[in-house]
Amino acid sequence: MSASPVRAPRYLAPAQVAELLSIGVDEVILLVHEGRLRGAQLGSPPRWRVEESSLDGYLAEESENSRRMALWRQSQTASFPEVWGTSSAHRI
């Protein structure tokens, strides 16, 4: 039984990432600087490249943030009986 070959990471140009995420190229570079996307300057002259696999983590993070914000907004509009229930244990 042979081990499966290790695949080298695939790198995308910031313009490709920007198109995939529907954002600007400058925003992609900013996400790399913030550490939210993995990237490096490769080649000569150096050009930014973003590791394709880091997009999954970024999209999962953004999805979770959106889910939490939706829950937060939902909790802000809920009435007390919706939050605490209508059990007699909560009545004064």
N, C-alpha and C. Protein backbone atom coordinates (compact mmCIF):
# COMPACT_ATOMS: atom_id res chain seq x y z
N MET A 1 0.85 -1.17 0.00
CA MET A 1 0.00 0.00 0.00
C MET A 1 0.89 1.24 0.00
N SER A 2 0.77 2.06 -1.00
CA SER A 2 1.61 3.25 -1.09
C SER A 2 0.87 4.46 -0.53
N ALA A 3 1.65 5.34 0.06
CA ALA A 3 1.07 6.56 0.61
C ALA A 3 0.69 7.50 -0.53
N SER A 4 -0.38 8.22 -0.35
CA SER A 4 -0.79 9.16 -1.39
C SER A 4 0.20 10.32 -1.43
N PRO A 5 0.52 10.82 -2.62
CA PRO A 5 1.49 11.90 -2.72
C PRO A 5 0.94 13.18 -2.08
N VAL A 6 1.85 13.91 -1.47
CA VAL A 6 1.50 15.18 -0.85
C VAL A 6 1.37 16.22 -1.95
N ARG A 7 0.23 16.89 -1.97
CA ARG A 7 -0.02 17.90 -3.00
C ARG A 7 0.45 19.26 -2.52
N ALA A 8 1.19 19.94 -3.35
CA ALA A 8 1.67 21.28 -3.01
C ALA A 8 0.48 22.24 -2.96
N PRO A 9 0.53 23.21 -2.05
CA PRO A 9 -0.57 24.17 -1.99
C PRO A 9 -0.70 24.94 -3.30
N ARG A 10 -1.92 25.26 -3.64
CA ARG A 10 -2.17 26.04 -4.85
C ARG A 10 -2.32 27.51 -4.44
N TYR A 11 -1.68 28.37 -5.20
CA TYR A 11 -1.71 29.80 -4.90
C TYR A 11 -2.49 30.53 -5.99
N LEU A 12 -3.26 31.52 -5.56
CA LEU A 12 -4.06 32.33 -6.47
C LEU A 12 -3.58 33.78 -6.42
N ALA A 13 -3.72 34.45 -7.54
CA ALA A 13 -3.42 35.88 -7.59
C ALA A 13 -4.51 36.63 -6.83
N PRO A 14 -4.17 37.76 -6.23
CA PRO A 14 -5.17 38.54 -5.50
C PRO A 14 -6.40 38.89 -6.35
N ALA A 15 -6.21 39.11 -7.63
CA ALA A 15 -7.34 39.43 -8.51
C ALA A 15 -8.30 38.24 -8.60
N GLN A 16 -7.77 37.02 -8.61
CA GLN A 16 -8.62 35.83 -8.66
C GLN A 16 -9.41 35.69 -7.36
N VAL A 17 -8.74 35.92 -6.24
CA VAL A 17 -9.41 35.84 -4.94
C VAL A 17 -10.47 36.93 -4.84
N ALA A 18 -10.13 38.13 -5.28
CA ALA A 18 -11.09 39.24 -5.25
C ALA A 18 -12.34 38.90 -6.04
N GLU A 19 -12.15 38.29 -7.20
CA GLU A 19 -13.30 37.91 -8.02
C GLU A 19 -14.15 36.84 -7.33
N LEU A 20 -13.50 35.86 -6.73
CA LEU A 20 -14.22 34.79 -6.03
C LEU A 20 -15.03 35.33 -4.85
N LEU A 21 -14.46 36.31 -4.14
CA LEU A 21 -15.11 36.85 -2.94
C LEU A 21 -15.95 38.10 -3.22
N SER A 22 -15.91 38.58 -4.45
CA SER A 22 -16.63 39.82 -4.83
C SER A 22 -16.20 41.01 -3.98
N ILE A 23 -14.88 41.14 -3.84
CA ILE A 23 -14.30 42.28 -3.12
C ILE A 23 -13.18 42.85 -3.97
N GLY A 24 -12.57 43.92 -3.52
CA GLY A 24 -11.48 44.54 -4.25
C GLY A 24 -10.14 43.87 -3.96
N VAL A 25 -9.20 44.05 -4.87
CA VAL A 25 -7.85 43.48 -4.71
C VAL A 25 -7.18 44.04 -3.46
N ASP A 26 -7.37 45.33 -3.19
CA ASP A 26 -6.79 45.94 -1.98
C ASP A 26 -7.32 45.27 -0.72
N GLU A 27 -8.59 44.89 -0.74
CA GLU A 27 -9.18 44.21 0.42
C GLU A 27 -8.56 42.84 0.61
N VAL A 28 -8.24 42.15 -0.49
CA VAL A 28 -7.59 40.84 -0.40
C VAL A 28 -6.23 40.99 0.27
N ILE A 29 -5.46 41.96 -0.17
CA ILE A 29 -4.13 42.20 0.42
C ILE A 29 -4.27 42.54 1.89
N LEU A 30 -5.27 43.34 2.25
CA LEU A 30 -5.51 43.69 3.65
C LEU A 30 -5.84 42.44 4.47
N LEU A 31 -6.64 41.54 3.93
CA LEU A 31 -6.96 40.29 4.62
C LEU A 31 -5.71 39.44 4.85
N VAL A 32 -4.78 39.47 3.90
CA VAL A 32 -3.51 38.76 4.07
C VAL A 32 -2.70 39.40 5.19
N HIS A 33 -2.62 40.73 5.19
CA HIS A 33 -1.86 41.44 6.23
C HIS A 33 -2.47 41.20 7.61
N GLU A 34 -3.80 41.09 7.68
CA GLU A 34 -4.48 40.84 8.95
C GLU A 34 -4.36 39.39 9.40
N GLY A 35 -3.88 38.51 8.51
CA GLY A 35 -3.75 37.11 8.85
C GLY A 35 -5.01 36.29 8.66
N ARG A 36 -6.02 36.89 8.04
CA ARG A 36 -7.28 36.17 7.83
C ARG A 36 -7.22 35.29 6.59
N LEU A 37 -6.29 35.59 5.68
CA LEU A 37 -5.97 34.74 4.54
C LEU A 37 -4.46 34.51 4.58
N ARG A 38 -4.04 33.30 4.19
CA ARG A 38 -2.61 33.00 4.13
C ARG A 38 -2.09 33.38 2.75
N GLY A 39 -1.04 34.15 2.74
CA GLY A 39 -0.46 34.56 1.48
C GLY A 39 1.01 34.89 1.63
N ALA A 40 1.66 35.07 0.50
CA ALA A 40 3.08 35.39 0.49
C ALA A 40 3.41 36.11 -0.81
N GLN A 41 4.52 36.81 -0.78
CA GLN A 41 5.02 37.42 -2.00
C GLN A 41 5.99 36.43 -2.63
N LEU A 42 5.65 35.99 -3.83
CA LEU A 42 6.45 34.98 -4.52
C LEU A 42 6.96 35.52 -5.85
N GLY A 43 8.05 34.94 -6.32
CA GLY A 43 8.58 35.28 -7.63
C GLY A 43 9.50 36.49 -7.61
N SER A 44 9.95 36.83 -8.82
CA SER A 44 10.82 37.98 -8.99
C SER A 44 10.37 38.73 -10.23
N PRO A 45 9.86 39.92 -10.14
CA PRO A 45 9.65 40.67 -8.91
C PRO A 45 8.56 40.03 -8.06
N PRO A 46 8.64 40.23 -6.74
CA PRO A 46 7.67 39.58 -5.85
C PRO A 46 6.24 40.06 -6.13
N ARG A 47 5.34 39.10 -6.21
CA ARG A 47 3.91 39.38 -6.39
C ARG A 47 3.14 38.59 -5.33
N TRP A 48 2.09 39.20 -4.83
CA TRP A 48 1.29 38.53 -3.82
C TRP A 48 0.57 37.33 -4.40
N ARG A 49 0.54 36.26 -3.63
CA ARG A 49 -0.22 35.07 -3.95
C ARG A 49 -0.91 34.60 -2.66
N VAL A 50 -2.12 34.11 -2.81
CA VAL A 50 -2.92 33.68 -1.66
C VAL A 50 -3.12 32.18 -1.75
N GLU A 51 -2.88 31.50 -0.63
CA GLU A 51 -3.05 30.05 -0.59
C GLU A 51 -4.54 29.73 -0.71
N GLU A 52 -4.88 28.95 -1.72
CA GLU A 52 -6.28 28.65 -2.03
C GLU A 52 -7.00 28.01 -0.84
N SER A 53 -6.32 27.13 -0.12
CA SER A 53 -6.97 26.44 1.00
C SER A 53 -7.36 27.38 2.13
N SER A 54 -6.74 28.55 2.21
CA SER A 54 -7.11 29.49 3.28
C SER A 54 -8.47 30.15 3.03
N LEU A 55 -8.96 30.06 1.79
CA LEU A 55 -10.28 30.63 1.49
C LEU A 55 -11.38 29.89 2.24
N ASP A 56 -11.25 28.57 2.38
CA ASP A 56 -12.26 27.80 3.11
C ASP A 56 -12.39 28.28 4.55
N GLY A 57 -11.27 28.46 5.22
CA GLY A 57 -11.28 28.94 6.60
C GLY A 57 -11.87 30.33 6.70
N TYR A 58 -11.50 31.20 5.77
CA TYR A 58 -12.02 32.57 5.78
C TYR A 58 -13.54 32.57 5.58
N LEU A 59 -14.02 31.79 4.62
CA LEU A 59 -15.46 31.74 4.35
C LEU A 59 -16.22 31.12 5.52
N ALA A 60 -15.65 30.12 6.17
CA ALA A 60 -16.28 29.52 7.35
C ALA A 60 -16.36 30.54 8.48
N GLU A 61 -15.30 31.31 8.66
CA GLU A 61 -15.28 32.35 9.70
C GLU A 61 -16.33 33.42 9.43
N GLU A 62 -16.41 33.86 8.19
CA GLU A 62 -17.40 34.88 7.83
C GLU A 62 -18.83 34.35 7.98
N SER A 63 -19.04 33.09 7.62
CA SER A 63 -20.35 32.47 7.76
C SER A 63 -20.76 32.39 9.23
N GLU A 64 -19.82 32.01 10.09
CA GLU A 64 -20.10 31.93 11.52
C GLU A 64 -20.39 33.31 12.10
N ASN A 65 -19.64 34.32 11.67
CA ASN A 65 -19.90 35.70 12.13
C ASN A 65 -21.29 36.15 11.73
N SER A 66 -21.69 35.84 10.51
CA SER A 66 -23.03 36.20 10.03
C SER A 66 -24.10 35.49 10.83
N ARG A 67 -23.88 34.20 11.11
CA ARG A 67 -24.84 33.44 11.90
C ARG A 67 -25.01 34.03 13.29
N ARG A 68 -23.88 34.38 13.92
CA ARG A 68 -23.94 34.97 15.26
C ARG A 68 -24.64 36.33 15.25
N MET A 69 -24.36 37.13 14.24
CA MET A 69 -25.02 38.45 14.15
C MET A 69 -26.52 38.28 13.96
N ALA A 70 -26.94 37.30 13.16
CA ALA A 70 -28.36 37.06 12.96
C ALA A 70 -29.01 36.63 14.27
N LEU A 71 -28.35 35.77 15.03
CA LEU A 71 -28.88 35.36 16.33
C LEU A 71 -28.95 36.54 17.29
N TRP A 72 -27.93 37.40 17.26
CA TRP A 72 -27.92 38.57 18.12
C TRP A 72 -29.08 39.50 17.79
N ARG A 73 -29.28 39.77 16.49
CA ARG A 73 -30.40 40.64 16.09
C ARG A 73 -31.73 40.02 16.48
N GLN A 74 -31.82 38.71 16.33
CA GLN A 74 -33.05 38.00 16.70
C GLN A 74 -33.30 38.14 18.21
N SER A 75 -32.26 38.03 19.01
CA SER A 75 -32.43 38.12 20.46
C SER A 75 -32.82 39.53 20.89
N GLN A 76 -32.41 40.53 20.13
CA GLN A 76 -32.73 41.90 20.48
C GLN A 76 -34.20 42.23 20.23
N THR A 77 -34.85 41.49 19.34
CA THR A 77 -36.25 41.76 19.03
C THR A 77 -37.20 40.82 19.75
N ALA A 78 -36.64 39.83 20.47
CA ALA A 78 -37.49 38.87 21.18
C ALA A 78 -38.08 39.51 22.43
N SER A 79 -39.31 39.15 22.73
CA SER A 79 -39.94 39.65 23.96
C SER A 79 -39.51 38.74 25.11
N PHE A 80 -39.72 39.20 26.33
CA PHE A 80 -39.31 38.42 27.48
C PHE A 80 -39.95 37.03 27.53
N PRO A 81 -41.26 36.88 27.26
CA PRO A 81 -41.82 35.52 27.26
C PRO A 81 -41.17 34.61 26.22
N GLU A 82 -40.76 35.16 25.07
CA GLU A 82 -40.10 34.34 24.06
C GLU A 82 -38.74 33.87 24.55
N VAL A 83 -38.05 34.71 25.30
CA VAL A 83 -36.72 34.37 25.78
C VAL A 83 -36.79 33.44 26.97
N TRP A 84 -37.65 33.77 27.93
CA TRP A 84 -37.70 33.01 29.19
C TRP A 84 -38.78 31.93 29.21
N GLY A 85 -39.64 31.94 28.23
CA GLY A 85 -40.74 30.99 28.22
C GLY A 85 -41.91 31.51 29.04
N THR A 86 -42.97 30.75 29.12
CA THR A 86 -44.17 31.20 29.84
C THR A 86 -44.42 30.36 31.07
N SER A 87 -43.40 29.67 31.55
CA SER A 87 -43.52 28.83 32.74
C SER A 87 -43.88 29.68 33.95
N SER A 88 -44.67 29.12 34.85
CA SER A 88 -45.06 29.86 36.07
C SER A 88 -43.87 30.04 37.01
N ALA A 89 -42.80 29.30 36.83
CA ALA A 89 -41.62 29.43 37.68
C ALA A 89 -40.97 30.79 37.53
N HIS A 90 -41.20 31.45 36.41
CA HIS A 90 -40.57 32.75 36.15
C HIS A 90 -41.45 33.91 36.59
N ARG A 91 -42.68 33.64 36.96
CA ARG A 91 -43.61 34.72 37.35
C ARG A 91 -43.33 35.16 38.78
N ILE A 92 -43.55 36.42 39.01
CA ILE A 92 -43.35 36.98 40.36
C ILE A 92 -44.67 37.04 41.08
